Amino acid sequence: MIQQTTLQLPAHPRGFHLVTPLVLRALPKLPSQGILHVFLQHTSAGLAICENADPDVRVDLEGIFNRLVPEDHPDYVHTLEGSDDMPSHAKSILTSVSLQIPITENRLNLGTWQGIYLCEFRDHGGPRRLVLTVYS
């Protein structure tokens, strides 16, 4: 059986944002076993699973990604949409736009310290859409 829903996330500022509670609220009743596939319908943001306890992790990740893929690099050709656009596409590829999470005993089988992150790479990315598909 397959169940699918779309979740519209509110606009978030640039950074790494824990969205696990929003995803959980949008899901139908989960099966005893299965897989949740989360797909982000955008090319300038990403998804990740990371530590959900210490907010300093989110600050550090933002710094790491900005050093890996800096803005205003002289080699960028795609620059018409602002200095954060091309780096946001590269960062999206580095993080990915989809996740698969096992479902066990009617719950997402995330580790104790794991959470689902929206990685917003634009200064003003706007609302983001997630397609949530439950396979059982």
N, C-alpha and C. Protein backbone atom coordinates (compact mmCIF):
# COMPACT_ATOMS: atom_id res chain seq x y z
N MET A 1 0.83 -1.17 0.00
CA MET A 1 0.00 0.00 0.00
C MET A 1 0.89 1.25 0.00
N ILE A 2 0.47 2.24 -0.74
CA ILE A 2 1.21 3.50 -0.83
C ILE A 2 0.27 4.64 -0.45
N GLN A 3 0.75 5.51 0.44
CA GLN A 3 0.02 6.72 0.81
C GLN A 3 0.93 7.90 0.56
N GLN A 4 0.35 8.97 0.01
CA GLN A 4 1.18 10.13 -0.33
C GLN A 4 0.47 11.42 0.04
N THR A 5 1.25 12.35 0.56
CA THR A 5 0.72 13.67 0.88
C THR A 5 1.81 14.70 0.59
N THR A 6 1.39 15.93 0.40
CA THR A 6 2.33 17.03 0.18
C THR A 6 2.28 17.94 1.39
N LEU A 7 3.44 18.34 1.85
CA LEU A 7 3.57 19.25 2.99
C LEU A 7 4.20 20.54 2.51
N GLN A 8 3.51 21.64 2.71
CA GLN A 8 4.05 22.97 2.39
C GLN A 8 4.71 23.50 3.65
N LEU A 9 6.04 23.63 3.61
CA LEU A 9 6.76 24.21 4.74
C LEU A 9 6.72 25.72 4.65
N PRO A 10 6.63 26.39 5.77
CA PRO A 10 6.69 27.86 5.72
C PRO A 10 8.09 28.31 5.31
N ALA A 11 8.19 29.54 4.85
CA ALA A 11 9.50 30.09 4.50
C ALA A 11 10.38 30.10 5.74
N HIS A 12 11.61 29.67 5.55
CA HIS A 12 12.61 29.68 6.61
C HIS A 12 13.77 30.56 6.18
N PRO A 13 14.42 31.20 7.11
CA PRO A 13 15.64 31.94 6.73
C PRO A 13 16.74 30.97 6.35
N ARG A 14 17.75 31.49 5.74
CA ARG A 14 18.89 30.67 5.39
C ARG A 14 19.42 29.93 6.62
N GLY A 15 19.72 28.65 6.46
CA GLY A 15 20.24 27.86 7.57
C GLY A 15 19.67 26.46 7.57
N PHE A 16 19.94 25.75 8.65
CA PHE A 16 19.53 24.36 8.81
C PHE A 16 18.41 24.32 9.85
N HIS A 17 17.25 23.79 9.45
CA HIS A 17 16.04 23.87 10.27
C HIS A 17 15.46 22.49 10.53
N LEU A 18 15.28 22.18 11.79
CA LEU A 18 14.70 20.90 12.19
C LEU A 18 13.21 20.91 11.85
N VAL A 19 12.78 20.01 10.97
CA VAL A 19 11.38 19.98 10.53
C VAL A 19 10.70 18.66 10.88
N THR A 20 11.35 17.84 11.69
CA THR A 20 10.76 16.55 12.05
C THR A 20 9.34 16.70 12.59
N PRO A 21 9.06 17.61 13.52
CA PRO A 21 7.68 17.72 14.03
C PRO A 21 6.67 18.06 12.94
N LEU A 22 7.04 18.90 11.99
CA LEU A 22 6.12 19.25 10.90
C LEU A 22 5.85 18.04 10.01
N VAL A 23 6.89 17.27 9.73
CA VAL A 23 6.72 16.06 8.92
C VAL A 23 5.82 15.06 9.64
N LEU A 24 6.07 14.84 10.91
CA LEU A 24 5.27 13.88 11.68
C LEU A 24 3.79 14.27 11.70
N ARG A 25 3.51 15.56 11.86
CA ARG A 25 2.11 16.01 11.88
C ARG A 25 1.41 15.81 10.54
N ALA A 26 2.17 15.86 9.46
CA ALA A 26 1.57 15.76 8.12
C ALA A 26 1.34 14.31 7.68
N LEU A 27 1.97 13.37 8.37
CA LEU A 27 1.88 11.97 7.95
C LEU A 27 0.55 11.33 8.35
N PRO A 28 0.08 10.38 7.52
CA PRO A 28 -1.07 9.58 7.93
C PRO A 28 -0.61 8.60 9.03
N LYS A 29 -1.55 7.83 9.57
CA LYS A 29 -1.18 6.79 10.54
C LYS A 29 -0.17 5.87 9.86
N LEU A 30 0.95 5.67 10.52
CA LEU A 30 2.02 4.88 9.92
C LEU A 30 1.76 3.39 10.10
N PRO A 31 2.19 2.59 9.10
CA PRO A 31 2.04 1.14 9.21
C PRO A 31 3.01 0.56 10.23
N SER A 32 2.85 -0.70 10.56
CA SER A 32 3.77 -1.32 11.52
C SER A 32 5.18 -1.42 10.95
N GLN A 33 5.30 -1.61 9.64
CA GLN A 33 6.60 -1.64 8.97
C GLN A 33 6.46 -0.96 7.62
N GLY A 34 7.53 -0.33 7.17
CA GLY A 34 7.50 0.31 5.87
C GLY A 34 8.65 1.27 5.71
N ILE A 35 8.48 2.17 4.77
CA ILE A 35 9.50 3.18 4.45
C ILE A 35 8.78 4.50 4.23
N LEU A 36 9.35 5.56 4.78
CA LEU A 36 8.91 6.91 4.43
C LEU A 36 9.93 7.49 3.47
N HIS A 37 9.46 7.93 2.33
CA HIS A 37 10.31 8.64 1.37
C HIS A 37 9.90 10.11 1.44
N VAL A 38 10.89 10.98 1.66
CA VAL A 38 10.67 12.42 1.73
C VAL A 38 11.39 13.05 0.54
N PHE A 39 10.64 13.78 -0.28
CA PHE A 39 11.21 14.40 -1.48
C PHE A 39 10.94 15.89 -1.47
N LEU A 40 12.00 16.68 -1.62
CA LEU A 40 11.92 18.14 -1.66
C LEU A 40 11.84 18.59 -3.12
N GLN A 41 10.82 19.35 -3.47
CA GLN A 41 10.59 19.76 -4.86
C GLN A 41 11.29 21.07 -5.21
N HIS A 42 12.54 21.20 -4.84
CA HIS A 42 13.27 22.45 -5.08
C HIS A 42 14.74 22.14 -5.39
N THR A 43 15.40 23.08 -6.07
CA THR A 43 16.80 22.89 -6.46
C THR A 43 17.76 23.80 -5.71
N SER A 44 17.27 24.58 -4.77
CA SER A 44 18.15 25.49 -4.04
C SER A 44 18.04 25.30 -2.53
N ALA A 45 17.58 24.13 -2.13
CA ALA A 45 17.51 23.73 -0.74
C ALA A 45 17.80 22.24 -0.69
N GLY A 46 17.93 21.68 0.48
CA GLY A 46 18.24 20.26 0.59
C GLY A 46 17.60 19.66 1.82
N LEU A 47 17.78 18.36 1.94
CA LEU A 47 17.31 17.61 3.10
C LEU A 47 18.48 16.86 3.71
N ALA A 48 18.42 16.66 5.00
CA ALA A 48 19.46 15.89 5.68
C ALA A 48 18.89 15.32 6.96
N ILE A 49 19.55 14.27 7.43
CA ILE A 49 19.28 13.74 8.77
C ILE A 49 20.55 14.01 9.57
N CYS A 50 20.36 14.65 10.71
CA CYS A 50 21.52 15.03 11.51
C CYS A 50 21.10 15.13 12.97
N GLU A 51 22.05 15.46 13.81
CA GLU A 51 21.84 15.63 15.25
C GLU A 51 20.72 16.63 15.52
N ASN A 52 19.79 16.25 16.40
CA ASN A 52 18.64 17.11 16.65
C ASN A 52 18.64 17.73 18.04
N ALA A 53 19.69 17.54 18.83
CA ALA A 53 19.67 18.00 20.22
C ALA A 53 20.34 19.36 20.41
N ASP A 54 21.53 19.54 19.90
CA ASP A 54 22.29 20.76 20.16
C ASP A 54 22.17 21.71 18.97
N PRO A 55 21.54 22.88 19.14
CA PRO A 55 21.38 23.82 18.03
C PRO A 55 22.70 24.34 17.47
N ASP A 56 23.79 24.21 18.22
CA ASP A 56 25.10 24.63 17.70
C ASP A 56 25.49 23.84 16.45
N VAL A 57 24.98 22.62 16.34
CA VAL A 57 25.27 21.81 15.14
C VAL A 57 24.79 22.54 13.90
N ARG A 58 23.61 23.14 13.98
CA ARG A 58 23.04 23.85 12.83
C ARG A 58 23.89 25.05 12.45
N VAL A 59 24.40 25.76 13.44
CA VAL A 59 25.26 26.92 13.19
C VAL A 59 26.56 26.46 12.52
N ASP A 60 27.15 25.38 13.05
CA ASP A 60 28.39 24.87 12.48
C ASP A 60 28.19 24.37 11.05
N LEU A 61 27.09 23.69 10.80
CA LEU A 61 26.83 23.21 9.43
C LEU A 61 26.73 24.36 8.44
N GLU A 62 26.06 25.44 8.84
CA GLU A 62 25.96 26.61 7.96
C GLU A 62 27.36 27.13 7.63
N GLY A 63 28.22 27.24 8.61
CA GLY A 63 29.59 27.70 8.36
C GLY A 63 30.38 26.76 7.47
N ILE A 64 30.25 25.47 7.70
CA ILE A 64 30.96 24.47 6.88
C ILE A 64 30.53 24.58 5.43
N PHE A 65 29.22 24.61 5.19
CA PHE A 65 28.74 24.66 3.81
C PHE A 65 29.13 25.97 3.13
N ASN A 66 29.14 27.08 3.87
CA ASN A 66 29.54 28.35 3.26
C ASN A 66 31.02 28.37 2.91
N ARG A 67 31.83 27.67 3.67
CA ARG A 67 33.26 27.57 3.32
C ARG A 67 33.47 26.64 2.14
N LEU A 68 32.70 25.54 2.08
CA LEU A 68 32.83 24.59 0.97
C LEU A 68 32.40 25.20 -0.36
N VAL A 69 31.29 25.95 -0.32
CA VAL A 69 30.72 26.53 -1.54
C VAL A 69 30.47 28.02 -1.29
N PRO A 70 31.48 28.84 -1.47
CA PRO A 70 31.35 30.27 -1.16
C PRO A 70 30.51 31.00 -2.21
N GLU A 71 29.96 32.11 -1.79
CA GLU A 71 29.25 32.99 -2.73
C GLU A 71 30.25 33.83 -3.50
N ASP A 72 29.79 34.37 -4.63
CA ASP A 72 30.56 35.32 -5.45
C ASP A 72 31.89 34.78 -5.94
N HIS A 73 31.95 33.48 -6.16
CA HIS A 73 33.19 32.91 -6.70
C HIS A 73 33.36 33.37 -8.15
N PRO A 74 34.55 33.79 -8.56
CA PRO A 74 34.73 34.35 -9.91
C PRO A 74 34.50 33.33 -11.04
N ASP A 75 34.52 32.04 -10.74
CA ASP A 75 34.31 31.03 -11.77
C ASP A 75 32.84 30.74 -12.06
N TYR A 76 31.91 31.24 -11.24
CA TYR A 76 30.49 30.98 -11.45
C TYR A 76 30.00 31.70 -12.70
N VAL A 77 29.25 30.98 -13.52
CA VAL A 77 28.64 31.53 -14.72
C VAL A 77 27.17 31.87 -14.45
N HIS A 78 26.47 31.02 -13.70
CA HIS A 78 25.05 31.20 -13.38
C HIS A 78 24.94 32.20 -12.23
N THR A 79 24.79 33.49 -12.56
CA THR A 79 24.80 34.53 -11.53
C THR A 79 23.60 35.49 -11.61
N LEU A 80 22.69 35.29 -12.56
CA LEU A 80 21.59 36.23 -12.76
C LEU A 80 20.61 36.31 -11.60
N GLU A 81 20.50 35.26 -10.80
CA GLU A 81 19.50 35.22 -9.74
C GLU A 81 20.08 35.57 -8.37
N GLY A 82 21.25 36.17 -8.33
CA GLY A 82 21.83 36.60 -7.06
C GLY A 82 23.02 35.77 -6.65
N SER A 83 23.79 36.32 -5.73
CA SER A 83 25.04 35.66 -5.35
C SER A 83 24.82 34.39 -4.54
N ASP A 84 23.62 34.18 -3.99
CA ASP A 84 23.37 32.95 -3.23
C ASP A 84 22.77 31.84 -4.08
N ASP A 85 22.44 32.11 -5.36
CA ASP A 85 21.72 31.12 -6.17
C ASP A 85 22.60 29.96 -6.61
N MET A 86 23.69 30.21 -7.30
CA MET A 86 24.52 29.10 -7.76
C MET A 86 25.07 28.28 -6.59
N PRO A 87 25.55 28.93 -5.52
CA PRO A 87 25.97 28.12 -4.38
C PRO A 87 24.84 27.27 -3.80
N SER A 88 23.60 27.80 -3.84
CA SER A 88 22.49 27.02 -3.30
C SER A 88 22.24 25.76 -4.12
N HIS A 89 22.41 25.82 -5.44
CA HIS A 89 22.25 24.62 -6.27
C HIS A 89 23.32 23.59 -5.93
N ALA A 90 24.55 24.03 -5.79
CA ALA A 90 25.64 23.10 -5.46
C ALA A 90 25.42 22.48 -4.09
N LYS A 91 25.00 23.28 -3.12
CA LYS A 91 24.76 22.77 -1.77
C LYS A 91 23.59 21.78 -1.77
N SER A 92 22.59 22.03 -2.61
CA SER A 92 21.46 21.12 -2.73
C SER A 92 21.92 19.74 -3.21
N ILE A 93 22.83 19.74 -4.17
CA ILE A 93 23.36 18.47 -4.67
C ILE A 93 24.18 17.77 -3.58
N LEU A 94 24.93 18.53 -2.80
CA LEU A 94 25.73 17.93 -1.73
C LEU A 94 24.87 17.29 -0.65
N THR A 95 23.73 17.87 -0.35
CA THR A 95 22.87 17.31 0.69
C THR A 95 21.87 16.30 0.13
N SER A 96 21.39 16.51 -1.05
CA SER A 96 20.35 15.70 -1.70
C SER A 96 18.98 16.32 -1.46
N VAL A 97 18.01 15.87 -2.23
CA VAL A 97 16.64 16.37 -2.08
C VAL A 97 15.68 15.27 -1.65
N SER A 98 16.21 14.12 -1.26
CA SER A 98 15.31 13.07 -0.80
C SER A 98 15.96 12.25 0.32
N LEU A 99 15.09 11.70 1.15
CA LEU A 99 15.50 10.85 2.26
C LEU A 99 14.60 9.62 2.31
N GLN A 100 15.14 8.53 2.78
CA GLN A 100 14.34 7.34 3.07
C GLN A 100 14.55 6.99 4.54
N ILE A 101 13.45 6.80 5.23
CA ILE A 101 13.50 6.51 6.67
C ILE A 101 12.66 5.27 6.92
N PRO A 102 13.23 4.26 7.61
CA PRO A 102 12.43 3.07 7.90
C PRO A 102 11.32 3.38 8.91
N ILE A 103 10.24 2.66 8.75
CA ILE A 103 9.12 2.72 9.69
C ILE A 103 9.10 1.38 10.43
N THR A 104 9.13 1.46 11.75
CA THR A 104 9.12 0.25 12.58
C THR A 104 8.15 0.47 13.72
N GLU A 105 7.25 -0.46 13.91
CA GLU A 105 6.25 -0.38 14.98
C GLU A 105 5.50 0.95 14.96
N ASN A 106 5.06 1.36 13.77
CA ASN A 106 4.23 2.55 13.56
C ASN A 106 4.93 3.86 13.86
N ARG A 107 6.28 3.87 13.84
CA ARG A 107 7.04 5.09 14.11
C ARG A 107 8.21 5.19 13.14
N LEU A 108 8.65 6.42 12.89
CA LEU A 108 9.87 6.59 12.12
C LEU A 108 11.02 6.03 12.96
N ASN A 109 11.84 5.21 12.34
CA ASN A 109 12.92 4.55 13.07
C ASN A 109 14.20 5.38 12.98
N LEU A 110 14.10 6.60 13.48
CA LEU A 110 15.26 7.49 13.56
C LEU A 110 16.04 7.15 14.82
N GLY A 111 17.34 7.40 14.78
CA GLY A 111 18.16 7.22 15.97
C GLY A 111 17.79 8.25 17.03
N THR A 112 18.24 8.01 18.24
CA THR A 112 17.91 8.85 19.38
C THR A 112 18.17 10.33 19.12
N TRP A 113 19.27 10.65 18.46
CA TRP A 113 19.66 12.05 18.28
C TRP A 113 19.48 12.51 16.85
N GLN A 114 18.68 11.79 16.05
CA GLN A 114 18.51 12.15 14.65
C GLN A 114 17.22 12.93 14.43
N GLY A 115 17.31 13.91 13.53
CA GLY A 115 16.15 14.67 13.12
C GLY A 115 16.23 14.99 11.64
N ILE A 116 15.09 15.32 11.06
CA ILE A 116 15.01 15.68 9.64
C ILE A 116 15.20 17.18 9.53
N TYR A 117 16.13 17.56 8.68
CA TYR A 117 16.46 18.97 8.48
C TYR A 117 16.06 19.45 7.09
N LEU A 118 15.47 20.63 7.03
CA LEU A 118 15.41 21.40 5.80
C LEU A 118 16.66 22.25 5.80
N CYS A 119 17.44 22.13 4.75
CA CYS A 119 18.66 22.92 4.60
C CYS A 119 18.34 24.03 3.61
N GLU A 120 18.07 25.21 4.13
CA GLU A 120 17.70 26.36 3.28
C GLU A 120 18.98 27.10 2.90
N PHE A 121 19.25 27.13 1.61
CA PHE A 121 20.50 27.72 1.13
C PHE A 121 20.33 29.10 0.50
N ARG A 122 19.08 29.56 0.34
CA ARG A 122 18.84 30.90 -0.21
C ARG A 122 18.58 31.87 0.93
N ASP A 123 18.92 33.13 0.71
CA ASP A 123 18.61 34.15 1.70
C ASP A 123 17.10 34.33 1.85
N HIS A 124 16.38 34.20 0.74
CA HIS A 124 14.92 34.34 0.73
C HIS A 124 14.34 33.24 -0.15
N GLY A 125 14.40 32.00 0.33
CA GLY A 125 13.95 30.86 -0.47
C GLY A 125 12.45 30.72 -0.60
N GLY A 126 11.72 31.24 0.36
CA GLY A 126 10.27 31.12 0.32
C GLY A 126 9.79 29.79 0.84
N PRO A 127 8.48 29.54 0.75
CA PRO A 127 7.93 28.26 1.19
C PRO A 127 8.52 27.12 0.37
N ARG A 128 8.63 25.96 0.98
CA ARG A 128 9.18 24.77 0.31
C ARG A 128 8.17 23.64 0.41
N ARG A 129 8.10 22.81 -0.64
CA ARG A 129 7.17 21.68 -0.67
C ARG A 129 7.91 20.36 -0.52
N LEU A 130 7.34 19.51 0.35
CA LEU A 130 7.83 18.15 0.51
C LEU A 130 6.75 17.19 0.06
N VAL A 131 7.13 16.17 -0.69
CA VAL A 131 6.22 15.07 -1.01
C VAL A 131 6.60 13.93 -0.07
N LEU A 132 5.63 13.51 0.74
CA LEU A 132 5.82 12.46 1.73
C LEU A 132 5.11 11.21 1.25
N THR A 133 5.86 10.14 1.00
CA THR A 133 5.29 8.89 0.50
C THR A 133 5.59 7.78 1.48
N VAL A 134 4.53 7.12 1.96
CA VAL A 134 4.67 6.00 2.88
C VAL A 134 4.42 4.72 2.10
N TYR A 135 5.41 3.85 2.14
CA TYR A 135 5.30 2.52 1.52
C TYR A 135 5.16 1.49 2.62
N SER A 136 4.13 0.65 2.51
CA SER A 136 3.98 -0.42 3.52
C SER A 136 3.73 -1.76 2.84
